[in-house]
Amino acid sequence: MPQSASRRPAVPDELFYNVFLIEQQVGAVLSQALQGTGITPSEFAIYSALAMHREPVKPSDLADELSLPRSTLTGYLGTLERRAHLSRVPNPADGRSSYVALTPAGAEAHRGAARSAMAAQARLDERLGSDLTGVRAALVTLYSHLDAALADPSTV
């Protein structure tokens, strides 16, 4: 019987395809975990990056860090700002630009969403069992190699 189109299996020799499938599954799991928080998985990444900085950050630096087009990040920052979860601080060296940071309400919203995400991660960690260390190592290795490839496109 043919495999259902909704659940295609991983293909051993197709790295990019498999990573795409994993990205979709991670998004679905995280979306379920974040239900009721009012934060989407993509927004959660923005909140998390801002929370990790602990200091205001230039939007361009944040976009580079997250590998997001600046226009895409601008849309997310606008959403957070409308929720009163983001503040803009004028750049003292350049009055035309600003830094961004989570407001106290934004930090609280992130903490609530992070609790839900961490619970989902703990369940996945348990499911992975003895494979967890190897999976984490493989992801770090893959990220490092992709980062190096992006820094030197001739190696891709």
Protein backbone atom coordinates (compact mmCIF):
# COMPACT_ATOMS: atom_id res chain seq x y z
CA MET A 1 0.00 0.00 0.00
CA PRO A 2 1.45 3.45 -0.89
CA GLN A 3 2.64 5.75 1.89
CA SER A 4 0.12 8.48 2.80
CA ALA A 5 1.08 11.87 1.34
CA SER A 6 0.52 13.37 4.80
CA ARG A 7 3.24 11.22 6.40
CA ARG A 8 6.12 10.76 4.00
CA PRO A 9 9.05 8.86 5.51
CA ALA A 10 12.53 10.29 5.75
CA VAL A 11 14.68 9.44 2.73
CA PRO A 12 18.14 8.18 3.76
CA ASP A 13 20.20 10.02 1.11
CA GLU A 14 18.19 13.26 0.91
CA LEU A 15 19.60 15.55 3.62
CA PHE A 16 17.81 18.75 2.56
CA TYR A 17 14.49 16.98 2.16
CA ASN A 18 14.84 15.34 5.57
CA VAL A 19 15.77 18.62 7.23
CA PHE A 20 12.72 20.21 5.61
CA LEU A 21 10.50 17.43 6.99
CA ILE A 22 12.05 17.84 10.43
CA GLU A 23 11.54 21.61 10.29
CA GLN A 24 7.85 21.05 9.55
CA GLN A 25 7.50 18.54 12.39
CA VAL A 26 9.31 20.77 14.88
CA GLY A 27 7.00 23.62 13.89
CA ALA A 28 3.93 21.45 14.39
CA VAL A 29 5.08 20.17 17.80
CA LEU A 30 6.03 23.67 18.93
CA SER A 31 2.74 25.06 17.63
CA GLN A 32 0.85 22.51 19.73
CA ALA A 33 2.99 23.32 22.76
CA LEU A 34 2.40 27.07 22.37
CA GLN A 35 -1.39 26.79 22.01
CA GLY A 36 -3.02 29.24 24.34
CA THR A 37 0.06 31.45 24.70
CA GLY A 38 -0.80 33.72 21.77
CA ILE A 39 2.72 33.21 20.41
CA THR A 40 3.52 31.34 17.19
CA PRO A 41 6.65 29.21 16.79
CA SER A 42 8.31 31.87 14.62
CA GLU A 43 7.46 34.60 17.10
CA PHE A 44 8.78 32.39 19.89
CA ALA A 45 12.16 32.35 18.15
CA ILE A 46 12.17 36.17 18.11
CA TYR A 47 11.15 36.40 21.77
CA SER A 48 13.82 33.82 22.67
CA ALA A 49 16.59 35.62 20.80
CA LEU A 50 15.65 38.92 22.44
CA ALA A 51 15.52 37.26 25.87
CA MET A 52 18.97 35.71 25.35
CA HIS A 53 20.47 39.11 24.57
CA ARG A 54 19.39 40.63 27.89
CA GLU A 55 20.43 44.00 26.45
CA PRO A 56 18.89 46.00 23.60
CA VAL A 57 20.08 44.76 20.20
CA LYS A 58 20.13 46.28 16.73
CA PRO A 59 17.41 44.75 14.55
CA SER A 60 19.94 44.16 11.77
CA ASP A 61 22.11 42.12 14.14
CA LEU A 62 19.08 40.13 15.26
CA ALA A 63 18.08 39.45 11.64
CA ASP A 64 21.59 38.20 10.87
CA GLU A 65 21.63 36.03 14.00
CA LEU A 66 18.32 34.41 13.08
CA SER A 67 19.10 34.20 9.35
CA LEU A 68 15.95 36.17 8.61
CA PRO A 69 15.50 38.78 5.91
CA ARG A 70 15.38 42.20 7.56
CA SER A 71 11.89 42.84 6.16
CA THR A 72 10.59 39.62 7.73
CA LEU A 73 12.07 40.53 11.11
CA THR A 74 10.57 44.03 10.82
CA GLY A 75 7.12 42.44 10.54
CA TYR A 76 7.67 40.30 13.63
CA LEU A 77 9.03 43.24 15.61
CA GLY A 78 5.95 45.26 14.63
CA THR A 79 3.72 42.48 15.97
CA LEU A 80 5.61 42.38 19.28
CA GLU A 81 5.52 46.17 19.51
CA ARG A 82 1.72 46.25 18.98
CA ARG A 83 1.41 43.77 21.85
CA ALA A 84 3.51 46.13 24.01
CA HIS A 85 6.09 43.32 24.25
CA LEU A 86 8.88 45.25 22.52
CA SER A 87 10.49 48.59 23.18
CA ARG A 88 12.70 50.60 20.88
CA VAL A 89 15.68 52.48 22.29
CA PRO A 90 17.30 55.20 20.17
CA ASN A 91 20.84 54.40 19.05
CA PRO A 92 22.99 57.02 20.82
CA ALA A 93 25.58 56.87 18.02
CA ASP A 94 23.04 57.26 15.22
CA GLY A 95 19.75 59.05 15.80
CA ARG A 96 18.22 57.38 12.73
CA SER A 97 18.39 53.81 14.04
CA SER A 98 17.27 52.07 17.21
CA TYR A 99 17.86 49.07 19.39
CA VAL A 100 15.07 46.69 20.41
CA ALA A 101 14.40 44.79 23.63
CA LEU A 102 11.60 42.92 25.31
CA THR A 103 9.46 44.95 27.68
CA PRO A 104 8.69 43.43 31.10
CA ALA A 105 5.35 42.24 29.64
CA GLY A 106 7.20 40.72 26.68
CA ALA A 107 9.65 38.96 28.99
CA GLU A 108 6.74 37.55 30.99
CA ALA A 109 4.97 36.38 27.82
CA HIS A 110 8.21 34.70 26.73
CA ARG A 111 8.64 32.98 30.10
CA GLY A 112 5.12 31.53 29.86
CA ALA A 113 5.65 30.34 26.30
CA ALA A 114 9.11 28.99 27.19
CA ARG A 115 7.63 26.87 30.00
CA SER A 116 5.27 25.28 27.46
CA ALA A 117 8.06 24.80 24.90
CA MET A 118 10.43 23.32 27.48
CA ALA A 119 7.77 20.84 28.59
CA ALA A 120 7.38 19.71 24.98
CA GLN A 121 11.15 19.48 24.63
CA ALA A 122 11.38 17.39 27.80
CA ARG A 123 8.81 14.97 26.37
CA LEU A 124 10.79 14.72 23.13
CA ASP A 125 14.04 14.26 25.06
CA GLU A 126 12.41 11.37 26.92
CA ARG A 127 11.19 9.85 23.67
CA LEU A 128 14.71 10.10 22.19
CA GLY A 129 16.17 8.36 25.22
CA SER A 130 19.71 7.13 24.60
CA ASP A 131 19.69 8.74 21.12
CA LEU A 132 19.41 12.26 22.61
CA THR A 133 23.13 12.97 22.93
CA GLY A 134 23.86 11.80 19.38
CA VAL A 135 20.95 13.78 17.93
CA ARG A 136 22.09 16.96 19.68
CA ALA A 137 25.67 16.43 18.50
CA ALA A 138 24.54 15.79 14.93
CA LEU A 139 22.44 18.97 14.92
CA VAL A 140 25.36 21.07 16.19
CA THR A 141 27.65 19.52 13.58
CA LEU A 142 25.13 20.12 10.78
CA TYR A 143 24.59 23.72 11.90
CA SER A 144 28.34 24.36 11.99
CA HIS A 145 28.86 22.98 8.50
CA LEU A 146 25.92 24.91 7.06
CA ASP A 147 27.14 28.09 8.73
CA ALA A 148 30.60 27.58 7.22
CA ALA A 149 29.04 26.91 3.81
CA LEU A 150 27.04 30.13 3.99
CA ALA A 151 30.19 32.05 4.93
CA ASP A 152 31.96 30.64 1.85
CA PRO A 153 29.37 29.93 -0.88
CA SER A 154 32.03 28.38 -3.12
CA THR A 155 32.04 25.35 -0.81
CA VAL A 156 28.32 24.64 -1.22
